Amino acid sequence: MGDDELLDLLHRTATAVRESLVGLGDWGLEGASSHQYHHDVVSDAAALSVLDDAGVGVLSEESGVRRPAAPITVVVDPVDGSTNASRGVPWWNTSLCAVDADGPRAAVVADQVHGVRFEAVRGGGARRDGVTIRPTGCDALREAFIGLSGFPPRYLGWSQYRTLGAAALDLCAVACGVLDGYMDCSRRGHGPWDYLGGLLVCREAGALVADADGDELVTIGHADRRTPVAAATPALLDALLTARRGF
């Protein structure tokens, strides 16, 4: 499958998710689970209907692993920021990342509220609605505008912060210069579906992403958890990782 065909598959999947949620009346918790929302279940079924037809492997937050021997696995979070979506907070997305033997190959992160899409192809740059994106040049933590997931036990020296609640979209905000950096303040709280799409968008835009504990971020195990930290520049990434140590 070529890069253009792969991107088209991811975009069609994001569109299927969006269409499945139009007019949805129930955005509450699914009765069978204490953490899964009705919109998670509906959107996952829509995503799988497209991905299954394509014959690719799938790692979904909501439904696990399908076709693990396939040469390409699409890592999907149909609604990243489920709690935001359930409460009417307009910051949630569909995150898709196609991974092959060499790592993340193509990604689409669709801001389903505002109709904005980020995309990236390995070695091909990153775009927001077709326009090339770049991070800021911020080097100093004391001047940085940082996105957080969770909250640290102490002030870490940033200029300002926001806690937004949708990791893939938060990472894309670093890639396009809305945020200078991003820090996961939890203890290994994110699955690969939360960050892989945003990771590829960041890397192709020129931003940097690392795990706070120094582990490899590219993983496709359903039980795997990581702690991503992202920054516009190497100096800012070093400052964030240094500040992150110890909690």
Protein backbone atom coordinates (compact mmCIF):
# COMPACT_ATOMS: atom_id res chain seq x y z
CA MET A 1 0.00 0.00 0.00
CA GLY A 2 1.51 3.33 -1.07
CA ASP A 3 1.70 6.40 1.15
CA ASP A 4 -1.10 8.23 -0.67
CA GLU A 5 -3.36 5.18 -0.46
CA LEU A 6 -2.56 4.79 3.22
CA LEU A 7 -3.33 8.43 3.98
CA ASP A 8 -6.59 8.10 2.07
CA LEU A 9 -7.52 5.09 4.22
CA LEU A 10 -6.87 7.05 7.41
CA HIS A 11 -8.87 10.03 6.18
CA ARG A 12 -11.78 7.79 5.17
CA THR A 13 -11.70 6.21 8.61
CA ALA A 14 -11.78 9.61 10.32
CA THR A 15 -14.72 10.61 8.10
CA ALA A 16 -16.61 7.42 8.99
CA VAL A 17 -16.12 8.21 12.68
CA ARG A 18 -17.37 11.77 12.22
CA GLU A 19 -20.46 10.61 10.34
CA SER A 20 -21.24 7.99 12.98
CA LEU A 21 -21.47 10.69 15.64
CA VAL A 22 -23.72 13.11 13.75
CA GLY A 23 -26.99 13.32 15.63
CA LEU A 24 -25.86 10.94 18.38
CA GLY A 25 -28.10 11.47 21.37
CA ASP A 26 -26.26 9.49 24.05
CA TRP A 27 -22.77 10.72 24.95
CA GLY A 28 -22.76 9.10 28.38
CA LEU A 29 -21.05 6.06 29.82
CA GLU A 30 -21.72 2.69 28.24
CA GLY A 31 -23.64 0.44 30.62
CA ALA A 32 -21.17 -2.45 30.27
CA SER A 33 -18.14 -0.43 31.42
CA SER A 34 -17.18 2.13 34.02
CA HIS A 35 -14.81 3.96 31.67
CA GLN A 36 -16.11 3.44 28.11
CA TYR A 37 -18.59 5.90 26.67
CA HIS A 38 -21.38 5.19 24.22
CA HIS A 39 -19.67 7.38 21.62
CA ASP A 40 -16.49 5.29 22.02
CA VAL A 41 -18.40 2.15 21.06
CA VAL A 42 -20.27 3.75 18.14
CA SER A 43 -17.18 5.43 16.71
CA ASP A 44 -15.04 2.33 17.08
CA ALA A 45 -17.52 0.27 15.07
CA ALA A 46 -17.43 2.92 12.32
CA ALA A 47 -13.63 2.92 12.24
CA LEU A 48 -13.41 -0.86 12.11
CA SER A 49 -15.87 -1.04 9.23
CA VAL A 50 -13.37 0.88 7.07
CA LEU A 51 -10.16 -0.68 8.40
CA ASP A 52 -11.48 -4.24 8.20
CA ASP A 53 -12.34 -3.78 4.52
CA ALA A 54 -8.75 -2.65 3.90
CA GLY A 55 -7.31 -5.78 5.51
CA VAL A 56 -4.82 -3.92 7.70
CA GLY A 57 -3.98 -4.87 11.26
CA VAL A 58 -5.68 -2.81 13.94
CA LEU A 59 -4.81 -1.79 17.48
CA SER A 60 -7.84 0.00 18.93
CA GLU A 61 -8.20 1.36 22.43
CA GLU A 62 -11.80 0.22 22.44
CA SER A 63 -11.66 -3.24 20.84
CA GLY A 64 -8.07 -4.43 21.04
CA VAL A 65 -5.97 -6.16 18.37
CA ARG A 66 -7.14 -7.46 15.00
CA ARG A 67 -5.01 -9.22 12.34
CA PRO A 68 -1.71 -8.94 14.29
CA ALA A 69 0.31 -10.55 11.49
CA ALA A 70 -0.56 -7.87 8.92
CA PRO A 71 2.44 -5.84 7.62
CA ILE A 72 0.69 -2.56 8.51
CA THR A 73 -1.14 -1.94 11.77
CA VAL A 74 -3.39 1.09 12.19
CA VAL A 75 -3.37 2.30 15.77
CA VAL A 76 -6.69 4.04 16.39
CA ASP A 77 -8.39 6.01 19.10
CA PRO A 78 -11.79 6.80 17.57
CA VAL A 79 -12.51 9.45 20.20
CA ASP A 80 -9.40 10.75 21.94
CA GLY A 81 -10.66 13.02 24.69
CA SER A 82 -13.77 10.97 25.47
CA THR A 83 -14.52 12.78 28.72
CA ASN A 84 -14.23 16.15 26.97
CA ALA A 85 -16.66 14.91 24.32
CA SER A 86 -19.11 13.63 26.94
CA ARG A 87 -19.12 16.97 28.76
CA GLY A 88 -19.29 19.21 25.71
CA VAL A 89 -15.70 20.46 25.96
CA PRO A 90 -14.71 21.22 22.33
CA TRP A 91 -11.29 19.55 22.36
CA TRP A 92 -11.37 15.95 21.15
CA ASN A 93 -10.29 14.11 18.05
CA THR A 94 -9.90 10.90 16.12
CA SER A 95 -6.29 9.71 16.12
CA LEU A 96 -4.97 7.25 13.52
CA CYS A 97 -1.40 6.11 12.94
CA ALA A 98 -0.30 3.44 10.46
CA VAL A 99 2.75 1.56 11.75
CA ASP A 100 4.95 -0.79 9.72
CA ALA A 101 8.19 -2.63 10.48
CA ASP A 102 10.12 0.66 10.43
CA GLY A 103 7.76 2.49 12.80
CA PRO A 104 5.07 5.14 12.30
CA ARG A 105 4.52 5.64 8.57
CA ALA A 106 1.40 7.79 8.18
CA ALA A 107 -0.90 9.62 10.58
CA VAL A 108 -4.14 11.56 10.59
CA VAL A 109 -5.38 13.42 13.66
CA ALA A 110 -8.84 14.81 13.00
CA ASP A 111 -10.18 17.58 15.22
CA GLN A 112 -13.79 16.50 14.83
CA VAL A 113 -15.20 19.57 16.58
CA HIS A 114 -13.66 22.20 14.32
CA GLY A 115 -13.23 20.15 11.15
CA VAL A 116 -9.44 20.54 11.17
CA ARG A 117 -7.13 17.68 10.13
CA PHE A 118 -3.45 17.13 10.75
CA GLU A 119 -1.59 14.62 8.60
CA ALA A 120 1.95 13.37 8.26
CA VAL A 121 3.89 10.80 6.25
CA ARG A 122 7.29 9.50 7.31
CA GLY A 123 9.88 11.61 5.52
CA GLY A 124 7.17 13.76 3.93
CA GLY A 125 6.53 16.54 6.44
CA ALA A 126 3.38 17.45 8.34
CA ARG A 127 0.38 19.54 7.40
CA ARG A 128 -2.75 21.09 8.87
CA ASP A 129 -5.52 21.14 6.28
CA GLY A 130 -2.90 20.82 3.57
CA VAL A 131 -0.63 23.62 4.82
CA THR A 132 2.87 22.77 6.07
CA ILE A 133 3.29 23.30 9.82
CA ARG A 134 6.27 24.09 12.05
CA PRO A 135 6.74 24.38 15.82
CA THR A 136 7.84 27.54 17.59
CA GLY A 137 11.49 28.22 18.30
CA CYS A 138 11.02 28.43 22.08
CA ASP A 139 14.15 27.27 23.93
CA ALA A 140 13.52 28.48 27.49
CA LEU A 141 11.06 26.85 29.89
CA ARG A 142 10.55 30.17 31.69
CA GLU A 143 9.13 31.58 28.41
CA ALA A 144 7.16 28.49 27.37
CA PHE A 145 3.44 27.92 26.95
CA ILE A 146 3.01 24.28 27.99
CA GLY A 147 0.18 21.77 27.65
CA LEU A 148 -0.22 19.30 30.51
CA SER A 149 -1.92 15.97 30.96
CA GLY A 150 -2.66 15.75 34.66
CA PHE A 151 -0.81 18.12 36.97
CA PRO A 152 2.66 17.97 38.52
CA PRO A 153 3.22 18.06 42.28
CA ARG A 154 5.02 21.40 42.05
CA TYR A 155 5.53 24.38 39.77
CA LEU A 156 8.07 23.46 37.10
CA GLY A 157 9.04 26.91 35.85
CA TRP A 158 6.93 27.49 32.74
CA SER A 159 5.48 30.85 31.74
CA GLN A 160 1.90 29.55 31.30
CA TYR A 161 0.17 26.19 31.06
CA ARG A 162 -3.10 24.64 29.91
CA THR A 163 -4.56 21.23 30.71
CA LEU A 164 -6.55 20.36 27.60
CA GLY A 165 -7.38 16.64 27.82
CA ALA A 166 -6.76 15.07 24.39
CA ALA A 167 -3.17 13.88 23.96
CA ALA A 168 -3.03 13.49 20.18
CA LEU A 169 -4.47 16.95 19.62
CA ASP A 170 -2.22 18.40 22.32
CA LEU A 171 0.82 17.01 20.50
CA CYS A 172 -0.40 18.44 17.20
CA ALA A 173 -0.69 21.80 18.97
CA VAL A 174 3.06 21.56 19.66
CA ALA A 175 3.72 20.58 16.05
CA CYS A 176 1.93 23.64 14.66
CA GLY A 177 3.17 26.19 17.19
CA VAL A 178 0.03 26.66 19.29
CA LEU A 179 1.89 25.20 22.29
CA ASP A 180 5.63 25.30 22.88
CA GLY A 181 5.65 21.97 24.67
CA TYR A 182 3.60 19.19 26.24
CA MET A 183 4.12 17.05 29.34
CA ASP A 184 2.34 13.95 30.58
CA CYS A 185 2.37 14.30 34.36
CA SER A 186 0.83 10.90 35.04
CA ARG A 187 2.65 7.68 35.84
CA ARG A 188 2.75 5.95 32.45
CA GLY A 189 -0.81 6.88 31.71
CA HIS A 190 -1.05 6.82 27.91
CA GLY A 191 -1.58 3.95 25.50
CA PRO A 192 -0.03 4.06 22.01
CA TRP A 193 -3.37 5.09 20.47
CA ASP A 194 -3.21 8.29 22.53
CA TYR A 195 0.07 9.61 21.17
CA LEU A 196 1.41 7.79 18.08
CA GLY A 197 -0.55 9.91 15.60
CA GLY A 198 0.55 13.11 17.30
CA LEU A 199 4.09 11.81 17.63
CA LEU A 200 4.50 11.39 13.86
CA VAL A 201 2.93 14.80 13.19
CA CYS A 202 5.39 16.34 15.68
CA ARG A 203 8.42 14.59 14.25
CA GLU A 204 7.60 15.49 10.67
CA ALA A 205 6.91 19.10 11.64
CA GLY A 206 10.28 19.35 13.40
CA ALA A 207 9.18 19.05 17.03
CA LEU A 208 10.63 16.43 19.37
CA VAL A 209 8.90 13.77 21.45
CA ALA A 210 10.43 11.50 24.11
CA ASP A 211 9.28 9.26 26.91
CA ALA A 212 9.82 10.74 30.37
CA ASP A 213 11.38 7.48 31.54
CA GLY A 214 13.57 7.03 28.47
CA ASP A 215 11.59 4.13 26.98
CA GLU A 216 10.81 3.61 23.30
CA LEU A 217 7.54 5.32 22.45
CA VAL A 218 6.79 3.27 19.34
CA THR A 219 4.96 0.22 20.64
CA ILE A 220 1.76 -1.52 19.61
CA GLY A 221 0.88 -3.65 22.61
CA HIS A 222 -2.61 -3.08 24.00
CA ALA A 223 -1.29 -3.13 27.57
CA ASP A 224 1.68 -0.84 26.84
CA ARG A 225 1.77 2.53 28.56
CA ARG A 226 4.15 5.44 28.11
CA THR A 227 4.69 9.00 29.37
CA PRO A 228 5.23 11.32 26.37
CA VAL A 229 6.90 14.73 26.60
CA ALA A 230 7.12 16.99 23.55
CA ALA A 231 8.84 20.26 22.76
CA ALA A 232 9.46 22.69 19.93
CA THR A 233 13.26 22.58 20.35
CA PRO A 234 15.93 20.27 21.80
CA ALA A 235 16.76 22.76 24.56
CA LEU A 236 13.15 22.98 25.67
CA LEU A 237 12.77 19.20 25.57
CA ASP A 238 15.83 18.81 27.80
CA ALA A 239 14.39 21.35 30.24
CA LEU A 240 11.02 19.60 30.35
CA LEU A 241 12.55 16.15 30.85
CA THR A 242 14.80 17.50 33.62
CA ALA A 243 11.81 19.16 35.32
CA ARG A 244 9.75 15.98 34.91
CA ARG A 245 12.23 13.74 36.72
CA GLY A 246 11.44 12.85 40.29
CA PHE A 247 7.66 12.56 40.25
